[in-house]
Amino acid sequence: MPPTFVESLIAGGAAGTAVDLLFFPIDTLKTRLQSAQGFTHAGGFKGIYKGIGSVVVGSAPGAAAFFCTYDTMKKTLPLPDHLAPVKHVVSASLGEIAACLIRVPTEVIKTRMQTSSYGTGLSSFAAARILWTNDGLKGFYRGFGITVMREIPFTSLQFPLYELLKLRLSGALGRKPLYAHEAAICGSIAGGFSAAVTTPLDVLKTRVMLDMRDPTLPSPSLLSRFRTIYVEEGTRALFAGVAPRTMWISAGGAVFLGVYEWVAGGLMSSRHDTEK
């Protein structure tokens, strides 16, 4: 029995908020490692909760948008069972595009707060006001394209792998659905692998969002930015932050998908009991 739209909405919001708040310090360290100014100048180990205000605002709506789209597309795409991986890739990709419409503005503020781009002592709301004054609406969506380019390969790896691991584990255990902690293990493995592979795209996303130039003026292409990082800083820079990124998404994947399955399962069980 698949979750309804409302159940996906609630479960997705709860899952996203739990992960982003729990692992925020690791994300801060990852962002500072990836910044062009260097880890120490970006803040080092100080103020690791800077920017958390924007996460509180955007986390639940972004995750809810993803799961509502993902679950809806999984149920409605007219693809046969043997093309299930394709269905999962398409559903997850569309889910990420929907989520990025909400997530990117809060991600821009979070990233700049984490690296003290507007100085120290400012709130996320104050940073948002500065961004609006300087760059307007376009500034809030700086890096939208590269964020989508990062998320689609990531989810195209993560969710088919997650669904495959759940299917194999269900077969091995001889029961379905899995318990929340079992789904969490599958999510952790899928998330960690996908995070490590897509780290160069994440580095590129961070650099674009930290670019303080006027967004109305021409800016370097993504390929040009990628080439500059590679030539001037080497391959190592393209994998900056790979350890904390893999760590927090691996652990976060367990929490994210585990909480989602737990909340969605509880809601579906309550609905089933009510319908009896």
Protein backbone atom coordinates (compact mmCIF):
# COMPACT_ATOMS: atom_id res chain seq x y z
CA MET A 1 0.00 0.00 0.00
CA PRO A 2 1.84 3.17 -1.20
CA PRO A 3 1.68 6.40 0.83
CA THR A 4 -0.82 9.10 -0.11
CA PHE A 5 0.21 12.60 -1.15
CA VAL A 6 -0.39 13.97 2.36
CA GLU A 7 1.50 11.09 3.98
CA SER A 8 4.48 11.73 1.68
CA LEU A 9 4.26 15.43 2.51
CA ILE A 10 4.38 14.88 6.28
CA ALA A 11 6.94 12.07 6.23
CA GLY A 12 9.22 13.91 3.79
CA GLY A 13 9.11 17.12 5.83
CA ALA A 14 9.94 15.26 9.04
CA ALA A 15 12.79 13.34 7.40
CA GLY A 16 14.39 16.41 5.83
CA THR A 17 14.25 18.48 9.01
CA ALA A 18 15.70 15.67 11.13
CA VAL A 19 18.71 15.22 8.85
CA ASP A 20 19.53 18.86 8.22
CA LEU A 21 19.42 19.83 11.88
CA LEU A 22 21.25 16.75 13.14
CA PHE A 23 24.17 16.89 10.70
CA PHE A 24 24.43 20.65 10.13
CA PRO A 25 27.91 21.01 11.75
CA ILE A 26 29.38 18.41 9.36
CA ASP A 27 27.84 20.25 6.40
CA THR A 28 29.43 23.50 7.63
CA LEU A 29 32.89 21.91 7.75
CA LYS A 30 32.37 20.45 4.28
CA THR A 31 31.37 23.84 2.85
CA ARG A 32 34.39 25.58 4.40
CA LEU A 33 36.74 22.94 3.00
CA GLN A 34 35.31 23.56 -0.48
CA SER A 35 35.41 27.38 -0.39
CA ALA A 36 38.03 29.17 -2.49
CA GLN A 37 39.18 31.22 0.56
CA GLY A 38 40.31 28.08 2.37
CA PHE A 39 39.07 26.27 5.45
CA THR A 40 40.69 28.53 8.07
CA HIS A 41 39.67 31.84 6.49
CA ALA A 42 36.13 30.55 5.95
CA GLY A 43 35.77 30.01 9.70
CA GLY A 44 37.59 26.80 10.53
CA PHE A 45 35.94 25.02 13.44
CA LYS A 46 34.29 28.18 14.82
CA GLY A 47 30.58 28.95 14.56
CA ILE A 48 29.62 25.62 13.03
CA TYR A 49 25.91 26.39 13.42
CA LYS A 50 26.04 29.63 11.42
CA GLY A 51 23.28 29.65 8.81
CA ILE A 52 21.08 27.10 10.53
CA GLY A 53 18.17 29.55 10.48
CA SER A 54 17.77 29.22 6.72
CA VAL A 55 17.81 25.43 7.04
CA VAL A 56 14.97 25.54 9.58
CA VAL A 57 12.91 27.52 7.06
CA GLY A 58 13.65 25.51 3.92
CA SER A 59 14.35 21.95 5.02
CA ALA A 60 10.85 20.60 5.61
CA PRO A 61 9.23 22.19 2.52
CA GLY A 62 12.11 21.10 0.27
CA ALA A 63 12.10 17.48 1.46
CA ALA A 64 8.30 17.36 1.36
CA ALA A 65 8.32 18.63 -2.24
CA PHE A 66 10.82 15.94 -3.18
CA PHE A 67 8.93 13.01 -1.68
CA CYS A 68 5.51 14.19 -2.86
CA THR A 69 6.84 14.37 -6.43
CA TYR A 70 8.88 11.16 -6.12
CA ASP A 71 6.07 9.02 -4.72
CA THR A 72 3.47 10.50 -7.09
CA MET A 73 5.62 9.88 -10.17
CA LYS A 74 6.47 6.33 -9.04
CA LYS A 75 2.74 5.56 -8.95
CA THR A 76 1.75 7.36 -12.17
CA LEU A 77 4.59 6.81 -14.67
CA PRO A 78 3.32 4.25 -17.23
CA LEU A 79 6.42 2.05 -17.24
CA PRO A 80 6.45 -1.75 -16.90
CA ASP A 81 7.99 -3.50 -13.88
CA HIS A 82 11.17 -4.51 -15.70
CA LEU A 83 11.91 -0.80 -16.20
CA ALA A 84 11.55 -0.04 -12.48
CA PRO A 85 15.09 1.45 -12.23
CA VAL A 86 14.23 3.89 -15.02
CA LYS A 87 11.03 4.84 -13.20
CA HIS A 88 13.00 5.48 -10.02
CA VAL A 89 15.58 7.64 -11.85
CA VAL A 90 12.93 9.76 -13.58
CA SER A 91 10.84 10.10 -10.42
CA ALA A 92 13.82 11.07 -8.28
CA SER A 93 15.10 13.56 -10.88
CA LEU A 94 11.73 15.32 -11.11
CA GLY A 95 11.54 15.27 -7.32
CA GLU A 96 14.91 17.01 -7.06
CA ILE A 97 13.93 19.73 -9.54
CA ALA A 98 10.80 20.43 -7.47
CA ALA A 99 12.83 20.47 -4.25
CA CYS A 100 15.52 22.76 -5.68
CA LEU A 101 12.93 25.47 -6.35
CA ILE A 102 12.58 25.70 -2.56
CA ARG A 103 16.02 24.55 -1.44
CA VAL A 104 18.36 26.70 -3.53
CA PRO A 105 17.45 30.13 -2.02
CA THR A 106 17.96 28.78 1.51
CA GLU A 107 21.12 26.98 0.36
CA VAL A 108 22.63 30.22 -0.97
CA ILE A 109 22.01 31.98 2.35
CA LYS A 110 23.26 28.98 4.35
CA THR A 111 26.46 28.67 2.31
CA ARG A 112 27.31 32.35 2.64
CA MET A 113 26.56 32.35 6.35
CA GLN A 114 28.72 29.26 6.89
CA THR A 115 31.70 31.00 5.26
CA SER A 116 31.04 34.48 6.78
CA SER A 117 30.66 36.02 3.31
CA TYR A 118 28.69 38.91 4.83
CA GLY A 119 30.88 39.22 7.90
CA THR A 120 30.26 37.90 11.38
CA GLY A 121 27.38 38.44 13.78
CA LEU A 122 24.58 38.50 11.18
CA SER A 123 21.42 36.39 11.31
CA SER A 124 20.18 34.36 8.34
CA PHE A 125 17.33 36.85 7.94
CA ALA A 126 19.78 39.76 7.80
CA ALA A 127 21.83 37.90 5.20
CA ALA A 128 18.68 37.33 3.14
CA ARG A 129 17.91 41.07 3.25
CA ILE A 130 21.44 41.92 2.05
CA LEU A 131 21.16 39.37 -0.75
CA TRP A 132 17.80 40.78 -1.83
CA THR A 133 19.11 44.37 -1.74
CA ASN A 134 22.28 43.58 -3.69
CA ASP A 135 21.12 40.97 -6.19
CA GLY A 136 17.32 40.76 -6.11
CA LEU A 137 15.45 37.51 -6.75
CA LYS A 138 18.11 36.31 -9.20
CA GLY A 139 20.65 36.25 -6.39
CA PHE A 140 18.58 33.74 -4.43
CA TYR A 141 18.76 31.32 -7.36
CA ARG A 142 22.49 31.67 -8.02
CA GLY A 143 23.70 28.14 -8.57
CA PHE A 144 20.26 26.68 -9.38
CA GLY A 145 21.54 25.05 -12.57
CA ILE A 146 24.59 23.40 -10.98
CA THR A 147 22.51 22.32 -7.97
CA VAL A 148 20.12 20.49 -10.30
CA MET A 149 23.13 19.11 -12.21
CA ARG A 150 24.50 17.79 -8.91
CA GLU A 151 21.24 16.42 -7.55
CA ILE A 152 20.05 14.54 -10.64
CA PRO A 153 23.19 12.35 -10.93
CA PHE A 154 23.17 11.94 -7.16
CA THR A 155 19.55 10.80 -6.95
CA SER A 156 19.90 8.79 -10.16
CA LEU A 157 22.48 6.74 -8.29
CA GLN A 158 21.03 6.88 -4.78
CA PHE A 159 17.38 5.97 -5.25
CA PRO A 160 17.67 3.09 -7.73
CA LEU A 161 20.43 1.67 -5.50
CA TYR A 162 18.26 2.26 -2.42
CA GLU A 163 15.26 0.53 -4.00
CA LEU A 164 17.47 -2.35 -5.21
CA LEU A 165 19.02 -2.85 -1.77
CA LYS A 166 15.56 -2.83 -0.15
CA LEU A 167 14.30 -5.36 -2.70
CA ARG A 168 17.28 -7.67 -2.15
CA LEU A 169 17.06 -7.37 1.64
CA SER A 170 13.32 -8.02 1.58
CA GLY A 171 13.96 -11.13 -0.49
CA ALA A 172 16.67 -12.32 1.87
CA LEU A 173 14.52 -11.76 4.95
CA GLY A 174 11.34 -13.06 3.33
CA ARG A 175 9.14 -10.13 4.33
CA LYS A 176 7.96 -6.77 3.11
CA PRO A 177 7.97 -3.91 4.04
CA LEU A 178 11.27 -3.63 5.85
CA TYR A 179 11.51 -2.19 9.33
CA ALA A 180 12.64 1.45 9.50
CA HIS A 181 16.15 0.59 10.73
CA GLU A 182 16.61 -1.91 7.88
CA ALA A 183 15.56 0.68 5.31
CA ALA A 184 17.92 3.11 7.03
CA ILE A 185 20.90 0.79 6.43
CA CYS A 186 20.01 0.59 2.73
CA GLY A 187 19.73 4.38 2.64
CA SER A 188 23.09 4.82 4.30
CA ILE A 189 24.92 2.62 1.80
CA ALA A 190 23.19 4.20 -1.20
CA GLY A 191 23.71 7.74 0.06
CA GLY A 192 27.38 7.34 0.97
CA PHE A 193 28.34 5.86 -2.40
CA SER A 194 26.39 8.49 -4.37
CA ALA A 195 27.83 11.34 -2.29
CA ALA A 196 31.44 10.32 -2.87
CA VAL A 197 31.00 9.96 -6.63
CA THR A 198 29.31 13.35 -7.08
CA THR A 199 31.65 15.41 -4.85
CA PRO A 200 33.23 17.40 -7.77
CA LEU A 201 29.76 18.67 -8.70
CA ASP A 202 29.18 19.63 -5.07
CA VAL A 203 32.46 21.59 -5.01
CA LEU A 204 31.40 23.41 -8.17
CA LYS A 205 27.99 24.20 -6.62
CA THR A 206 29.62 25.66 -3.51
CA ARG A 207 31.97 27.87 -5.55
CA VAL A 208 29.09 29.22 -7.67
CA MET A 209 26.94 30.04 -4.63
CA LEU A 210 29.86 31.83 -2.94
CA ASP A 211 30.50 33.97 -6.03
CA MET A 212 29.63 37.51 -4.87
CA ARG A 213 29.74 39.12 -8.32
CA ASP A 214 26.70 40.93 -9.67
CA PRO A 215 24.41 38.16 -11.06
CA THR A 216 23.23 40.47 -13.88
CA LEU A 217 26.76 40.58 -15.32
CA PRO A 218 28.28 37.74 -17.39
CA SER A 219 29.85 35.07 -15.23
CA PRO A 220 32.18 32.16 -16.08
CA SER A 221 30.54 29.04 -17.46
CA LEU A 222 30.43 25.92 -15.33
CA LEU A 223 32.96 24.26 -17.61
CA SER A 224 35.27 27.25 -17.26
CA ARG A 225 34.95 27.17 -13.45
CA PHE A 226 35.62 23.44 -13.44
CA ARG A 227 38.72 23.88 -15.61
CA THR A 228 40.01 26.73 -13.43
CA ILE A 229 39.71 24.67 -10.26
CA TYR A 230 41.43 21.71 -11.90
CA VAL A 231 44.31 23.75 -13.42
CA GLU A 232 44.95 26.09 -10.48
CA GLU A 233 44.19 23.80 -7.54
CA GLY A 234 44.42 20.27 -8.89
CA THR A 235 42.27 17.16 -8.65
CA ARG A 236 42.40 17.25 -4.89
CA ALA A 237 40.37 20.48 -4.84
CA LEU A 238 37.58 18.81 -6.86
CA PHE A 239 37.22 16.28 -4.06
CA ALA A 240 37.56 18.79 -1.22
CA GLY A 241 35.23 17.86 1.60
CA VAL A 242 34.63 14.34 0.27
CA ALA A 243 35.08 12.78 3.72
CA PRO A 244 32.57 14.95 5.61
CA ARG A 245 30.19 14.93 2.62
CA THR A 246 30.24 11.14 2.44
CA MET A 247 30.00 10.87 6.22
CA TRP A 248 27.02 13.17 6.65
CA ILE A 249 25.10 11.90 3.63
CA SER A 250 25.78 8.27 4.58
CA ALA A 251 24.60 8.87 8.14
CA GLY A 252 22.03 11.36 6.89
CA GLY A 253 20.73 8.88 4.33
CA ALA A 254 20.09 6.42 7.13
CA VAL A 255 18.20 9.03 9.16
CA PHE A 256 16.46 10.62 6.17
CA LEU A 257 15.12 7.45 4.59
CA GLY A 258 14.70 5.70 7.94
CA VAL A 259 12.59 8.54 9.38
CA TYR A 260 10.64 8.76 6.12
CA GLU A 261 9.81 5.04 6.15
CA TRP A 262 8.98 5.17 9.87
CA VAL A 263 6.66 8.19 9.64
CA ALA A 264 5.06 7.10 6.36
CA GLY A 265 4.58 3.57 7.73
CA GLY A 266 2.95 4.91 10.88
CA LEU A 267 0.61 7.15 8.90
CA MET A 268 -0.35 4.35 6.51
CA SER A 269 -0.98 2.00 9.44
CA SER A 270 -3.25 4.58 11.07
CA ARG A 271 -5.12 5.07 7.79
CA HIS A 272 -5.51 1.34 7.38
CA ASP A 273 -6.90 0.97 10.93
CA THR A 274 -9.32 3.83 10.32
CA GLU A 275 -10.61 2.28 7.08
CA LYS A 276 -11.41 -1.02 8.79
